[in-house]
Amino acid sequence: MYRIIDWFAHNPVAANLTMVFIMVSGLLASVSISQEIFPEMALDMVTVEVAYLGATLT
C-alpha cells in the first residue's frame, strides 16, 4: 500500500490523470442512471375478518 502512495507522490501527472479518469467515469455513470419519480410499489395486504359469536352491534 505504501508503494502505491509513494509512487503517486513522485508522479503527480499519473495522480492527476487517475483523478480525471475517476471523475469522468463518475459523470458518465451518473448520466446513465435511470430515475423514477414515483416508483411502482405493490403493497401486499391481508384483511382478516372474524365473527365473534355472542357479540351484538348496538
Protein backbone atom coordinates (compact mmCIF):
# COMPACT_ATOMS: atom_id res chain seq x y z
CA MET A 1 0.00 0.00 0.00
CA TYR A 2 2.82 2.39 0.86
CA ARG A 3 4.46 1.70 -2.51
CA ILE A 4 1.38 2.91 -4.37
CA ILE A 5 1.18 6.09 -2.27
CA ASP A 6 4.91 6.69 -2.70
CA TRP A 7 4.65 6.15 -6.46
CA PHE A 8 1.76 8.64 -6.78
CA ALA A 9 3.63 11.14 -4.61
CA HIS A 10 6.60 11.01 -7.00
CA ASN A 11 4.43 11.01 -10.17
CA PRO A 12 1.93 13.88 -9.89
CA VAL A 13 0.94 13.57 -13.57
CA ALA A 14 -0.18 9.98 -13.04
CA ALA A 15 -2.10 11.02 -9.92
CA ASN A 16 -3.87 13.81 -11.81
CA LEU A 17 -4.70 11.53 -14.75
CA THR A 18 -6.13 8.96 -12.34
CA MET A 19 -8.24 11.66 -10.68
CA VAL A 20 -9.54 12.86 -14.06
CA PHE A 21 -10.35 9.27 -15.09
CA ILE A 22 -12.31 8.70 -11.86
CA MET A 23 -14.24 11.97 -12.26
CA VAL A 24 -15.10 11.36 -15.93
CA SER A 25 -16.22 7.79 -15.27
CA GLY A 26 -18.39 9.05 -12.38
CA LEU A 27 -20.01 11.67 -14.60
CA LEU A 28 -20.69 9.10 -17.32
CA ALA A 29 -22.18 6.73 -14.76
CA SER A 30 -24.42 9.43 -13.30
CA VAL A 31 -25.85 10.21 -16.75
CA SER A 32 -26.81 6.57 -17.36
CA ILE A 33 -28.64 6.07 -14.03
CA SER A 34 -32.37 5.74 -14.57
CA GLN A 35 -34.58 7.67 -12.19
CA GLU A 36 -38.21 7.22 -11.28
CA ILE A 37 -40.26 9.99 -9.73
CA PHE A 38 -42.92 7.70 -8.27
CA PRO A 39 -41.76 4.09 -8.34
CA GLU A 40 -44.40 1.42 -8.66
CA MET A 41 -44.92 -0.41 -5.41
CA ALA A 42 -47.14 -3.40 -4.92
CA LEU A 43 -48.46 -3.37 -1.39
CA ASP A 44 -49.30 -6.84 -0.17
CA MET A 45 -52.25 -6.53 2.14
CA VAL A 46 -54.21 -9.11 4.08
CA THR A 47 -57.60 -8.43 5.62
CA VAL A 48 -58.79 -10.77 8.34
CA GLU A 49 -62.42 -10.78 9.50
CA VAL A 50 -63.51 -12.97 12.37
CA ALA A 51 -67.04 -13.48 13.58
CA TYR A 52 -67.29 -13.03 17.37
CA LEU A 53 -70.25 -15.12 18.42
CA GLY A 54 -72.43 -13.60 21.10
CA ALA A 55 -71.43 -10.02 20.33
CA THR A 56 -74.08 -7.51 19.32
CA LEU A 57 -73.94 -4.36 17.28
CA THR A 58 -75.52 -1.54 19.23
